[in-house]
């Protein structure tokens, strides 16, 4: 089901509670949220169950009117991700959806042939995984370990692909859409040579996706075992961070007690002073790899036509790349100083 064909349909009234009855080939949305999460979504995201389908239809109409060639999926469940990520602000949700597609189009090294089997070596390395248990706020913890990456084996873009697919899998859950996620990044053993791969151009691209191009709520970023060089890495990252996101970064160093104030030991593996056993990456790897066909189906609906040129996109092209290259030259002395 393409975005073009959906947009050429005659849409029912935005206020009609039976929108999906007119579109038999579109999956009918069934809410999977618990009563507590419905209340949380109402209080934190301004989501009103009685208006939910009306809001989705309003966003769908805006896409069809303003971006008829976007080629996006227009299913209720898919569009709800963007509404929830922007607290049901139609304009901001629409911009997020457009940015989502723009990011995918502008970075072919990351988004071409994007499927779990293509990043199996990254998964097997343990570079990124998701802890088996959620935190007390119902949030999944994404664990990233850069020391597991050997640059001579594959480029840094493969790591980014693995993180992106992990987030895509997590955001399929309505629970995650409401609760958000927590990131735990272990920088133990990160050397200068490895850090040099994460220059301002890559940093700007990644942060642009996470802040403005992906429908997920990042509630906290916990950094542990960061070496002195991380000051240089963070100096590269910080100019691109919005204040709200920057305030959600917590640098713990080697202080596990500090980490445990944010993430309780009961859900952490032994490697981080937790009580849930050794860190096991196999369960998440198996889950992600088993989702291959789902990803192929979902991503087949997200093809941006070559002749489309949506306006107000997040990525502005060569000028940004030149600016980031200039920034990298300025940051290199900082990295060497911190090292």
C-alpha atoms as a PDB file:
ATOM      1  CA  UNK A   1       0.000   0.000   0.000  1.00  0.00           C
ATOM      2  CA  UNK A   2       1.719   3.159  -1.166  1.00  0.00           C
ATOM      3  CA  UNK A   3       1.285   6.665   0.128  1.00  0.00           C
ATOM      4  CA  UNK A   4       0.309   7.858  -3.355  1.00  0.00           C
ATOM      5  CA  UNK A   5      -2.595   5.475  -3.683  1.00  0.00           C
ATOM      6  CA  UNK A   6      -3.873   6.327  -0.224  1.00  0.00           C
ATOM      7  CA  UNK A   7      -3.711  10.025  -0.899  1.00  0.00           C
ATOM      8  CA  UNK A   8      -5.804   9.721  -4.020  1.00  0.00           C
ATOM      9  CA  UNK A   9      -8.685   8.221  -2.097  1.00  0.00           C
ATOM     10  CA  UNK A  10     -11.601  10.264  -0.932  1.00  0.00           C
ATOM     11  CA  UNK A  11     -11.050  10.575   2.782  1.00  0.00           C
ATOM     12  CA  UNK A  12     -14.016  10.448   5.146  1.00  0.00           C
ATOM     13  CA  UNK A  13     -14.759  13.252   7.524  1.00  0.00           C
ATOM     14  CA  UNK A  14     -11.958  13.821  10.063  1.00  0.00           C
ATOM     15  CA  UNK A  15     -14.452  13.709  12.859  1.00  0.00           C
ATOM     16  CA  UNK A  16     -15.982  10.390  11.892  1.00  0.00           C
ATOM     17  CA  UNK A  17     -15.351   7.603  14.426  1.00  0.00           C
ATOM     18  CA  UNK A  18     -15.666   5.002  11.663  1.00  0.00           C
ATOM     19  CA  UNK A  19     -12.913   6.190   9.330  1.00  0.00           C
ATOM     20  CA  UNK A  20     -11.409   2.736   8.930  1.00  0.00           C
ATOM     21  CA  UNK A  21     -14.695   1.273   7.724  1.00  0.00           C
ATOM     22  CA  UNK A  22     -14.201   3.226   4.491  1.00  0.00           C
ATOM     23  CA  UNK A  23     -10.680   1.833   4.035  1.00  0.00           C
ATOM     24  CA  UNK A  24     -10.990  -1.971   4.252  1.00  0.00           C
ATOM     25  CA  UNK A  25      -7.413  -2.572   3.047  1.00  0.00           C
ATOM     26  CA  UNK A  26      -5.880  -0.494   5.862  1.00  0.00           C
ATOM     27  CA  UNK A  27      -5.358  -2.358   9.152  1.00  0.00           C
ATOM     28  CA  UNK A  28      -7.857  -1.261  11.756  1.00  0.00           C
ATOM     29  CA  UNK A  29      -6.184   0.214  14.814  1.00  0.00           C
ATOM     30  CA  UNK A  30      -6.770  -1.577  18.108  1.00  0.00           C
ATOM     31  CA  UNK A  31      -5.310   0.094  21.187  1.00  0.00           C
ATOM     32  CA  UNK A  32      -3.013  -2.166  23.221  1.00  0.00           C
ATOM     33  CA  UNK A  33      -2.333   0.311  26.035  1.00  0.00           C
ATOM     34  CA  UNK A  34      -3.224  -0.625  29.596  1.00  0.00           C
ATOM     35  CA  UNK A  35      -5.622   1.657  31.523  1.00  0.00           C
ATOM     36  CA  UNK A  36      -2.640   3.142  33.380  1.00  0.00           C
ATOM     37  CA  UNK A  37      -0.813   3.912  30.149  1.00  0.00           C
ATOM     38  CA  UNK A  38      -3.944   5.414  28.621  1.00  0.00           C
ATOM     39  CA  UNK A  39      -4.056   7.758  31.602  1.00  0.00           C
ATOM     40  CA  UNK A  40      -0.340   8.507  31.261  1.00  0.00           C
ATOM     41  CA  UNK A  41      -0.723   9.237  27.547  1.00  0.00           C
ATOM     42  CA  UNK A  42      -3.596  11.597  28.300  1.00  0.00           C
ATOM     43  CA  UNK A  43      -1.629  13.464  30.976  1.00  0.00           C
ATOM     44  CA  UNK A  44       1.811  13.577  29.312  1.00  0.00           C
ATOM     45  CA  UNK A  45       1.046  13.431  25.593  1.00  0.00           C
ATOM     46  CA  UNK A  46      -2.375  15.085  25.389  1.00  0.00           C
ATOM     47  CA  UNK A  47      -3.745  11.906  23.829  1.00  0.00           C
ATOM     48  CA  UNK A  48      -7.515  11.612  24.180  1.00  0.00           C
ATOM     49  CA  UNK A  49      -8.800   8.134  23.279  1.00  0.00           C
ATOM     50  CA  UNK A  50     -12.116   9.535  22.130  1.00  0.00           C
ATOM     51  CA  UNK A  51     -10.340  11.835  19.650  1.00  0.00           C
ATOM     52  CA  UNK A  52      -7.513   9.479  18.644  1.00  0.00           C
ATOM     53  CA  UNK A  53      -8.820   8.428  15.221  1.00  0.00           C
ATOM     54  CA  UNK A  54      -9.871  11.980  14.455  1.00  0.00           C
ATOM     55  CA  UNK A  55      -6.328  13.157  15.189  1.00  0.00           C
ATOM     56  CA  UNK A  56      -4.825  10.428  13.028  1.00  0.00           C
ATOM     57  CA  UNK A  57      -7.133  11.322  10.167  1.00  0.00           C
ATOM     58  CA  UNK A  58      -6.193  14.994  10.502  1.00  0.00           C
ATOM     59  CA  UNK A  59      -2.492  14.119  10.160  1.00  0.00           C
ATOM     60  CA  UNK A  60      -3.246  11.816   7.243  1.00  0.00           C
ATOM     61  CA  UNK A  61      -5.129  14.606   5.467  1.00  0.00           C
ATOM     62  CA  UNK A  62      -2.208  17.009   6.016  1.00  0.00           C
ATOM     63  CA  UNK A  63       0.215  14.492   4.488  1.00  0.00           C
ATOM     64  CA  UNK A  64      -2.010  13.991   1.458  1.00  0.00           C
ATOM     65  CA  UNK A  65      -2.463  17.715   0.977  1.00  0.00           C
ATOM     66  CA  UNK A  66       1.059  19.004   1.633  1.00  0.00           C
ATOM     67  CA  UNK A  67       3.221  15.980   0.694  1.00  0.00           C
ATOM     68  CA  UNK A  68       1.243  13.824  -1.746  1.00  0.00           C
ATOM     69  CA  UNK A  69       4.458  12.223  -3.104  1.00  0.00           C
ATOM     70  CA  UNK A  70       6.018  11.414   0.255  1.00  0.00           C
ATOM     71  CA  UNK A  71       5.387   7.698  -0.229  1.00  0.00           C
ATOM     72  CA  UNK A  72       4.737   7.066   3.447  1.00  0.00           C
ATOM     73  CA  UNK A  73       2.672   4.483   5.214  1.00  0.00           C
ATOM     74  CA  UNK A  74      -0.618   6.028   6.317  1.00  0.00           C
ATOM     75  CA  UNK A  75      -1.875   3.328   8.650  1.00  0.00           C
ATOM     76  CA  UNK A  76      -3.369   4.540  11.930  1.00  0.00           C
ATOM     77  CA  UNK A  77      -0.785   2.760  14.080  1.00  0.00           C
ATOM     78  CA  UNK A  78       2.134   4.168  12.084  1.00  0.00           C
ATOM     79  CA  UNK A  79       0.917   7.772  12.159  1.00  0.00           C
ATOM     80  CA  UNK A  80       0.163   7.497  15.878  1.00  0.00           C
ATOM     81  CA  UNK A  81       3.896   7.113  16.548  1.00  0.00           C
ATOM     82  CA  UNK A  82       4.513  10.594  15.209  1.00  0.00           C
ATOM     83  CA  UNK A  83       1.556  12.169  16.992  1.00  0.00           C
ATOM     84  CA  UNK A  84       2.645  10.712  20.317  1.00  0.00           C
ATOM     85  CA  UNK A  85       6.253  11.774  19.814  1.00  0.00           C
ATOM     86  CA  UNK A  86       5.071  15.375  19.344  1.00  0.00           C
ATOM     87  CA  UNK A  87       2.274  15.374  21.920  1.00  0.00           C
ATOM     88  CA  UNK A  88      -0.469  15.451  19.288  1.00  0.00           C
ATOM     89  CA  UNK A  89       0.664  18.733  17.785  1.00  0.00           C
ATOM     90  CA  UNK A  90      -0.364  18.201  14.161  1.00  0.00           C
ATOM     91  CA  UNK A  91       2.207  20.539  12.600  1.00  0.00           C
ATOM     92  CA  UNK A  92       5.129  19.188  14.606  1.00  0.00           C
ATOM     93  CA  UNK A  93       4.048  15.591  13.986  1.00  0.00           C
ATOM     94  CA  UNK A  94       3.891  16.278  10.250  1.00  0.00           C
ATOM     95  CA  UNK A  95       7.369  17.832  10.258  1.00  0.00           C
ATOM     96  CA  UNK A  96       8.715  14.847  12.184  1.00  0.00           C
ATOM     97  CA  UNK A  97       7.230  12.477   9.603  1.00  0.00           C
ATOM     98  CA  UNK A  98       8.768  14.455   6.729  1.00  0.00           C
ATOM     99  CA  UNK A  99      12.120  14.557   8.540  1.00  0.00           C
ATOM    100  CA  UNK A 100      11.910  10.804   9.089  1.00  0.00           C
ATOM    101  CA  UNK A 101      11.755  10.290   5.323  1.00  0.00           C
ATOM    102  CA  UNK A 102      14.332  12.969   4.594  1.00  0.00           C
ATOM    103  CA  UNK A 103      16.861  11.300   6.884  1.00  0.00           C
ATOM    104  CA  UNK A 104      16.322   7.977   5.153  1.00  0.00           C
ATOM    105  CA  UNK A 105      16.816   9.529   1.724  1.00  0.00           C
ATOM    106  CA  UNK A 106      19.866  11.630   2.585  1.00  0.00           C
ATOM    107  CA  UNK A 107      22.118   8.927   4.067  1.00  0.00           C
ATOM    108  CA  UNK A 108      22.184   5.928   1.695  1.00  0.00           C
ATOM    109  CA  UNK A 109      25.164   4.346   3.479  1.00  0.00           C
ATOM    110  CA  UNK A 110      22.878   3.797   6.458  1.00  0.00           C
ATOM    111  CA  UNK A 111      19.474   3.215   4.926  1.00  0.00           C
ATOM    112  CA  UNK A 112      20.138   1.177   1.779  1.00  0.00           C
ATOM    113  CA  UNK A 113      19.549  -2.550   2.304  1.00  0.00           C
ATOM    114  CA  UNK A 114      18.531  -1.872   5.905  1.00  0.00           C
ATOM    115  CA  UNK A 115      17.527  -5.177   7.457  1.00  0.00           C
ATOM    116  CA  UNK A 116      18.613  -7.209  10.486  1.00  0.00           C
ATOM    117  CA  UNK A 117      20.547  -9.854   8.535  1.00  0.00           C
ATOM    118  CA  UNK A 118      22.683  -7.113   6.962  1.00  0.00           C
ATOM    119  CA  UNK A 119      23.954  -5.972  10.355  1.00  0.00           C
ATOM    120  CA  UNK A 120      24.385  -9.406  11.927  1.00  0.00           C
ATOM    121  CA  UNK A 121      28.132  -8.881  12.598  1.00  0.00           C
ATOM    122  CA  UNK A 122      27.327  -5.759  14.629  1.00  0.00           C
ATOM    123  CA  UNK A 123      24.704  -7.611  16.646  1.00  0.00           C
ATOM    124  CA  UNK A 124      27.061 -10.510  17.293  1.00  0.00           C
ATOM    125  CA  UNK A 125      29.752  -8.116  18.504  1.00  0.00           C
ATOM    126  CA  UNK A 126      27.466  -6.865  21.272  1.00  0.00           C
ATOM    127  CA  UNK A 127      27.837  -3.237  20.200  1.00  0.00           C
ATOM    128  CA  UNK A 128      24.132  -2.609  20.842  1.00  0.00           C
ATOM    129  CA  UNK A 129      21.527  -4.586  22.723  1.00  0.00           C
ATOM    130  CA  UNK A 130      18.432  -4.077  24.861  1.00  0.00           C
ATOM    131  CA  UNK A 131      18.348  -5.178  28.480  1.00  0.00           C
ATOM    132  CA  UNK A 132      15.760  -7.900  29.165  1.00  0.00           C
ATOM    133  CA  UNK A 133      13.939  -5.942  31.879  1.00  0.00           C
ATOM    134  CA  UNK A 134      12.390  -2.486  31.774  1.00  0.00           C
ATOM    135  CA  UNK A 135      13.046   0.188  34.384  1.00  0.00           C
ATOM    136  CA  UNK A 136      10.421   1.184  37.001  1.00  0.00           C
ATOM    137  CA  UNK A 137       8.958   3.709  34.519  1.00  0.00           C
ATOM    138  CA  UNK A 138       8.328   0.952  31.988  1.00  0.00           C
ATOM    139  CA  UNK A 139      11.164   2.084  29.712  1.00  0.00           C
ATOM    140  CA  UNK A 140      13.460  -0.229  27.778  1.00  0.00           C
ATOM    141  CA  UNK A 141      17.178   0.321  28.317  1.00  0.00           C
ATOM    142  CA  UNK A 142      19.278   0.354  25.144  1.00  0.00           C
ATOM    143  CA  UNK A 143      22.868  -0.600  25.968  1.00  0.00           C
ATOM    144  CA  UNK A 144      25.601   0.659  23.621  1.00  0.00           C
ATOM    145  CA  UNK A 145      29.227  -0.481  23.991  1.00  0.00           C
ATOM    146  CA  UNK A 146      31.581   1.205  21.510  1.00  0.00           C
ATOM    147  CA  UNK A 147      34.550  -0.855  22.725  1.00  0.00           C
ATOM    148  CA  UNK A 148      32.968  -3.857  21.003  1.00  0.00           C
ATOM    149  CA  UNK A 149      33.518  -2.257  17.596  1.00  0.00           C
ATOM    150  CA  UNK A 150      36.682  -2.926  15.586  1.00  0.00           C
ATOM    151  CA  UNK A 151      36.925  -0.179  12.924  1.00  0.00           C
ATOM    152  CA  UNK A 152      38.944  -2.379  10.562  1.00  0.00           C
ATOM    153  CA  UNK A 153      36.045  -4.851  10.382  1.00  0.00           C
ATOM    154  CA  UNK A 154      33.325  -2.470   9.155  1.00  0.00           C
ATOM    155  CA  UNK A 155      32.614   1.286   9.048  1.00  0.00           C
ATOM    156  CA  UNK A 156      30.879   3.253  11.783  1.00  0.00           C
ATOM    157  CA  UNK A 157      27.750   3.483   9.641  1.00  0.00           C
ATOM    158  CA  UNK A 158      27.117  -0.213  10.322  1.00  0.00           C
ATOM    159  CA  UNK A 159      26.845   0.584  14.038  1.00  0.00           C
ATOM    160  CA  UNK A 160      24.371   3.363  13.269  1.00  0.00           C
ATOM    161  CA  UNK A 161      22.310   0.955  11.166  1.00  0.00           C
ATOM    162  CA  UNK A 162      22.164  -1.476  14.085  1.00  0.00           C
ATOM    163  CA  UNK A 163      21.046   1.265  16.498  1.00  0.00           C
ATOM    164  CA  UNK A 164      18.408   2.469  14.041  1.00  0.00           C
ATOM    165  CA  UNK A 165      16.932  -1.004  13.558  1.00  0.00           C
ATOM    166  CA  UNK A 166      16.896  -1.485  17.321  1.00  0.00           C
ATOM    167  CA  UNK A 167      14.892   1.713  17.731  1.00  0.00           C
ATOM    168  CA  UNK A 168      12.548   0.731  14.891  1.00  0.00           C
ATOM    169  CA  UNK A 169      11.820  -2.546  16.636  1.00  0.00           C
ATOM    170  CA  UNK A 170      11.261  -0.892  20.007  1.00  0.00           C
ATOM    171  CA  UNK A 171       8.928   1.801  18.666  1.00  0.00           C
ATOM    172  CA  UNK A 172       6.570  -0.819  17.284  1.00  0.00           C
ATOM    173  CA  UNK A 173       5.358  -1.159  20.872  1.00  0.00           C
ATOM    174  CA  UNK A 174       2.716   1.325  21.978  1.00  0.00           C
ATOM    175  CA  UNK A 175       4.093   1.022  25.486  1.00  0.00           C
ATOM    176  CA  UNK A 176       7.452   2.357  24.271  1.00  0.00           C
ATOM    177  CA  UNK A 177       5.729   5.131  22.315  1.00  0.00           C
ATOM    178  CA  UNK A 178       4.250   6.391  25.572  1.00  0.00           C
ATOM    179  CA  UNK A 179       7.040   5.614  28.054  1.00  0.00           C
ATOM    180  CA  UNK A 180      10.073   6.350  25.892  1.00  0.00           C
ATOM    181  CA  UNK A 181      13.480   4.710  26.272  1.00  0.00           C
ATOM    182  CA  UNK A 182      16.675   5.075  28.290  1.00  0.00           C
ATOM    183  CA  UNK A 183      20.164   4.775  26.802  1.00  0.00           C
ATOM    184  CA  UNK A 184      23.129   3.307  28.661  1.00  0.00           C
ATOM    185  CA  UNK A 185      26.425   3.945  26.853  1.00  0.00           C
ATOM    186  CA  UNK A 186      29.591   2.294  28.161  1.00  0.00           C
ATOM    187  CA  UNK A 187      32.662   4.108  26.831  1.00  0.00           C
ATOM    188  CA  UNK A 188      35.196   1.851  28.493  1.00  0.00           C
ATOM    189  CA  UNK A 189      38.254   1.394  26.286  1.00  0.00           C
ATOM    190  CA  UNK A 190      37.323   3.996  23.657  1.00  0.00           C
ATOM    191  CA  UNK A 191      40.583   5.207  22.128  1.00  0.00           C
ATOM    192  CA  UNK A 192      41.461   8.333  20.193  1.00  0.00           C
ATOM    193  CA  UNK A 193      41.591   6.426  16.917  1.00  0.00           C
ATOM    194  CA  UNK A 194      38.100   5.056  17.488  1.00  0.00           C
ATOM    195  CA  UNK A 195      36.702   8.418  18.592  1.00  0.00           C
ATOM    196  CA  UNK A 196      38.044  10.078  15.447  1.00  0.00           C
ATOM    197  CA  UNK A 197      35.468   8.161  13.389  1.00  0.00           C
ATOM    198  CA  UNK A 198      32.678  10.050  15.158  1.00  0.00           C
ATOM    199  CA  UNK A 199      33.302  13.515  13.744  1.00  0.00           C
ATOM    200  CA  UNK A 200      30.850  16.438  13.582  1.00  0.00           C
ATOM    201  CA  UNK A 201      29.322  15.306  10.270  1.00  0.00           C
ATOM    202  CA  UNK A 202      28.376  11.882  11.648  1.00  0.00           C
ATOM    203  CA  UNK A 203      27.395  13.427  14.988  1.00  0.00           C
ATOM    204  CA  UNK A 204      25.076  15.936  13.344  1.00  0.00           C
ATOM    205  CA  UNK A 205      23.448  13.243  11.219  1.00  0.00           C
ATOM    206  CA  UNK A 206      22.859  10.894  14.165  1.00  0.00           C
ATOM    207  CA  UNK A 207      21.600  13.592  16.505  1.00  0.00           C
ATOM    208  CA  UNK A 208      19.414  14.999  13.750  1.00  0.00           C
ATOM    209  CA  UNK A 209      17.743  11.607  13.417  1.00  0.00           C
ATOM    210  CA  UNK A 210      17.304  11.065  17.148  1.00  0.00           C
ATOM    211  CA  UNK A 211      16.043  14.590  17.903  1.00  0.00           C
ATOM    212  CA  UNK A 212      14.074  15.526  14.806  1.00  0.00           C
ATOM    213  CA  UNK A 213      13.796  12.510  12.542  1.00  0.00           C
ATOM    214  CA  UNK A 214      12.573   9.557  14.562  1.00  0.00           C
ATOM    215  CA  UNK A 215       9.364   9.140  16.608  1.00  0.00           C
ATOM    216  CA  UNK A 216      10.841   8.046  19.916  1.00  0.00           C
ATOM    217  CA  UNK A 217      11.126   9.753  23.293  1.00  0.00           C
ATOM    218  CA  UNK A 218      14.641   9.534  24.727  1.00  0.00           C
ATOM    219  CA  UNK A 219      14.166  10.140  28.434  1.00  0.00           C
ATOM    220  CA  UNK A 220      17.764   9.745  29.635  1.00  0.00           C
ATOM    221  CA  UNK A 221      21.266   9.059  28.300  1.00  0.00           C
ATOM    222  CA  UNK A 222      23.544   7.514  30.922  1.00  0.00           C
ATOM    223  CA  UNK A 223      27.260   7.546  30.096  1.00  0.00           C
ATOM    224  CA  UNK A 224      29.535   5.293  32.121  1.00  0.00           C
ATOM    225  CA  UNK A 225      33.267   4.571  32.118  1.00  0.00           C
ATOM    226  CA  UNK A 226      33.888   7.556  29.883  1.00  0.00           C
ATOM    227  CA  UNK A 227      37.630   8.255  29.388  1.00  0.00           C
ATOM    228  CA  UNK A 228      39.154  11.724  29.332  1.00  0.00           C
ATOM    229  CA  UNK A 229      38.703  11.793  25.587  1.00  0.00           C
ATOM    230  CA  UNK A 230      34.948  11.841  26.048  1.00  0.00           C
ATOM    231  CA  UNK A 231      35.228  15.537  26.863  1.00  0.00           C
ATOM    232  CA  UNK A 232      36.279  16.014  23.258  1.00  0.00           C
ATOM    233  CA  UNK A 233      33.520  13.729  21.960  1.00  0.00           C
ATOM    234  CA  UNK A 234      30.895  15.585  23.962  1.00  0.00           C
ATOM    235  CA  UNK A 235      32.294  18.898  22.725  1.00  0.00           C
ATOM    236  CA  UNK A 236      31.517  17.668  19.215  1.00  0.00           C
ATOM    237  CA  UNK A 237      28.028  16.512  20.134  1.00  0.00           C
ATOM    238  CA  UNK A 238      26.803  19.297  22.387  1.00  0.00           C
ATOM    239  CA  UNK A 239      26.404  22.086  19.778  1.00  0.00           C
ATOM    240  CA  UNK A 240      23.851  19.917  17.982  1.00  0.00           C
ATOM    241  CA  UNK A 241      21.827  19.031  21.101  1.00  0.00           C
ATOM    242  CA  UNK A 242      18.677  20.827  22.101  1.00  0.00           C
ATOM    243  CA  UNK A 243      18.756  22.050  25.673  1.00  0.00           C
ATOM    244  CA  UNK A 244      16.083  19.570  26.771  1.00  0.00           C
ATOM    245  CA  UNK A 245      18.081  16.626  25.441  1.00  0.00           C
ATOM    246  CA  UNK A 246      21.409  17.974  26.727  1.00  0.00           C
ATOM    247  CA  UNK A 247      19.915  18.121  30.222  1.00  0.00           C
ATOM    248  CA  UNK A 248      19.104  14.406  29.988  1.00  0.00           C
ATOM    249  CA  UNK A 249      22.762  13.400  29.675  1.00  0.00           C
ATOM    250  CA  UNK A 250      24.244  11.964  32.870  1.00  0.00           C
ATOM    251  CA  UNK A 251      27.992  11.341  33.072  1.00  0.00           C
ATOM    252  CA  UNK A 252      28.746   8.778  35.778  1.00  0.00           C
ATOM    253  CA  UNK A 253      32.420   7.996  35.162  1.00  0.00           C
ATOM    254  CA  UNK A 254      33.273   4.782  37.018  1.00  0.00           C
ATOM    255  CA  UNK A 255      30.778   5.498  39.813  1.00  0.00           C
ATOM    256  CA  UNK A 256      28.275   2.642  39.750  1.00  0.00           C
ATOM    257  CA  UNK A 257      26.402   4.120  42.696  1.00  0.00           C
ATOM    258  CA  UNK A 258      25.730   7.198  40.581  1.00  0.00           C
ATOM    259  CA  UNK A 259      24.471   4.997  37.736  1.00  0.00           C
ATOM    260  CA  UNK A 260      22.205   3.104  40.121  1.00  0.00           C
ATOM    261  CA  UNK A 261      20.446   6.325  41.066  1.00  0.00           C
ATOM    262  CA  UNK A 262      19.163   6.453  37.492  1.00  0.00           C
ATOM    263  CA  UNK A 263      18.919   2.755  36.634  1.00  0.00           C
ATOM    264  CA  UNK A 264      18.183   0.347  39.508  1.00  0.00           C
ATOM    265  CA  UNK A 265      20.610  -2.567  40.002  1.00  0.00           C
ATOM    266  CA  UNK A 266      17.756  -5.076  39.815  1.00  0.00           C
ATOM    267  CA  UNK A 267      17.499  -4.613  36.017  1.00  0.00           C
ATOM    268  CA  UNK A 268      21.231  -4.167  35.356  1.00  0.00           C
ATOM    269  CA  UNK A 269      23.661  -6.979  34.490  1.00  0.00           C
ATOM    270  CA  UNK A 270      26.591  -7.848  36.728  1.00  0.00           C
ATOM    271  CA  UNK A 271      28.948  -5.850  34.496  1.00  0.00           C
ATOM    272  CA  UNK A 272      27.301  -2.674  35.817  1.00  0.00           C
ATOM    273  CA  UNK A 273      26.883  -3.697  39.431  1.00  0.00           C
ATOM    274  CA  UNK A 274      23.468  -5.206  38.815  1.00  0.00           C
ATOM    275  CA  UNK A 275      21.775  -8.359  40.051  1.00  0.00           C
ATOM    276  CA  UNK A 276      20.226  -9.716  36.843  1.00  0.00           C
ATOM    277  CA  UNK A 277      23.112 -11.965  35.836  1.00  0.00           C
ATOM    278  CA  UNK A 278      25.643 -11.627  33.046  1.00  0.00           C
ATOM    279  CA  UNK A 279      24.765  -9.381  30.120  1.00  0.00           C
ATOM    280  CA  UNK A 280      23.098 -11.622  27.546  1.00  0.00           C
ATOM    281  CA  UNK A 281      22.846 -10.269  24.006  1.00  0.00           C
ATOM    282  CA  UNK A 282      21.434 -13.426  22.430  1.00  0.00           C
ATOM    283  CA  UNK A 283      17.754 -12.839  23.252  1.00  0.00           C
ATOM    284  CA  UNK A 284      17.632  -9.403  21.646  1.00  0.00           C
ATOM    285  CA  UNK A 285      19.652 -10.549  18.629  1.00  0.00           C
ATOM    286  CA  UNK A 286      17.267 -13.443  18.051  1.00  0.00           C
ATOM    287  CA  UNK A 287      14.234 -11.172  18.359  1.00  0.00           C
ATOM    288  CA  UNK A 288      15.622  -8.641  15.895  1.00  0.00           C
ATOM    289  CA  UNK A 289      16.777 -11.230  13.365  1.00  0.00           C
ATOM    290  CA  UNK A 290      13.392 -12.963  13.557  1.00  0.00           C
ATOM    291  CA  UNK A 291      11.768  -9.678  12.502  1.00  0.00           C
ATOM    292  CA  UNK A 292      13.422  -9.652   9.066  1.00  0.00           C
ATOM    293  CA  UNK A 293      10.221 -10.141   7.062  1.00  0.00           C
ATOM    294  CA  UNK A 294       8.362  -7.552   9.121  1.00  0.00           C
ATOM    295  CA  UNK A 295      11.051  -4.972   8.423  1.00  0.00           C
ATOM    296  CA  UNK A 296      11.114  -5.763   4.706  1.00  0.00           C
ATOM    297  CA  UNK A 297       7.348  -5.298   4.558  1.00  0.00           C
ATOM    298  CA  UNK A 298       7.307  -2.112   6.609  1.00  0.00           C
ATOM    299  CA  UNK A 299      10.248  -0.470   4.846  1.00  0.00           C
ATOM    300  CA  UNK A 300       8.804  -1.310   1.427  1.00  0.00           C
ATOM    301  CA  UNK A 301       6.121   1.286   2.195  1.00  0.00           C
ATOM    302  CA  UNK A 302       8.661   3.987   3.002  1.00  0.00           C
ATOM    303  CA  UNK A 303      10.222   4.656  -0.389  1.00  0.00           C
ATOM    304  CA  UNK A 304      10.643   8.348  -1.169  1.00  0.00           C
ATOM    305  CA  UNK A 305      10.179   8.848  -4.932  1.00  0.00           C
ATOM    306  CA  UNK A 306      13.245  10.266  -6.683  1.00  0.00           C
ATOM    307  CA  UNK A 307      11.302  13.110  -8.289  1.00  0.00           C
ATOM    308  CA  UNK A 308       9.738  14.335  -5.059  1.00  0.00           C
ATOM    309  CA  UNK A 309      11.167  17.369  -3.337  1.00  0.00           C
ATOM    310  CA  UNK A 310       9.324  18.020  -0.074  1.00  0.00           C
ATOM    311  CA  UNK A 311      10.077  21.369   1.465  1.00  0.00           C
ATOM    312  CA  UNK A 312      11.203  22.265   4.971  1.00  0.00           C
ATOM    313  CA  UNK A 313      13.295  19.120   5.286  1.00  0.00           C
ATOM    314  CA  UNK A 314      15.714  18.537   8.098  1.00  0.00           C
ATOM    315  CA  UNK A 315      18.777  17.897   5.961  1.00  0.00           C
ATOM    316  CA  UNK A 316      20.143  20.753   3.883  1.00  0.00           C
ATOM    317  CA  UNK A 317      22.812  18.908   1.887  1.00  0.00           C
ATOM    318  CA  UNK A 318      26.330  19.846   0.923  1.00  0.00           C
ATOM    319  CA  UNK A 319      26.452  23.060   2.936  1.00  0.00           C
ATOM    320  CA  UNK A 320      25.947  21.129   6.158  1.00  0.00           C
ATOM    321  CA  UNK A 321      28.633  18.632   5.196  1.00  0.00           C
ATOM    322  CA  UNK A 322      31.163  21.380   4.468  1.00  0.00           C
ATOM    323  CA  UNK A 323      30.294  23.124   7.742  1.00  0.00           C
ATOM    324  CA  UNK A 324      30.750  19.883   9.665  1.00  0.00           C
ATOM    325  CA  UNK A 325      34.074  19.159   7.956  1.00  0.00           C
ATOM    326  CA  UNK A 326      35.267  22.619   8.987  1.00  0.00           C
ATOM    327  CA  UNK A 327      34.082  21.920  12.531  1.00  0.00           C
ATOM    328  CA  UNK A 328      35.971  18.622  12.590  1.00  0.00           C
ATOM    329  CA  UNK A 329      39.232  20.365  11.762  1.00  0.00           C
ATOM    330  CA  UNK A 330      38.594  22.697  14.663  1.00  0.00           C
ATOM    331  CA  UNK A 331      37.712  19.869  17.054  1.00  0.00           C
ATOM    332  CA  UNK A 332      40.702  17.607  16.368  1.00  0.00           C
ATOM    333  CA  UNK A 333      43.086  19.577  18.597  1.00  0.00           C
ATOM    334  CA  UNK A 334      40.490  19.285  21.378  1.00  0.00           C
ATOM    335  CA  UNK A 335      40.371  15.509  20.990  1.00  0.00           C
ATOM    336  CA  UNK A 336      44.149  15.213  21.156  1.00  0.00           C
ATOM    337  CA  UNK A 337      44.281  17.517  24.181  1.00  0.00           C
ATOM    338  CA  UNK A 338      41.678  15.466  26.049  1.00  0.00           C
ATOM    339  CA  UNK A 339      43.451  12.255  25.156  1.00  0.00           C
END
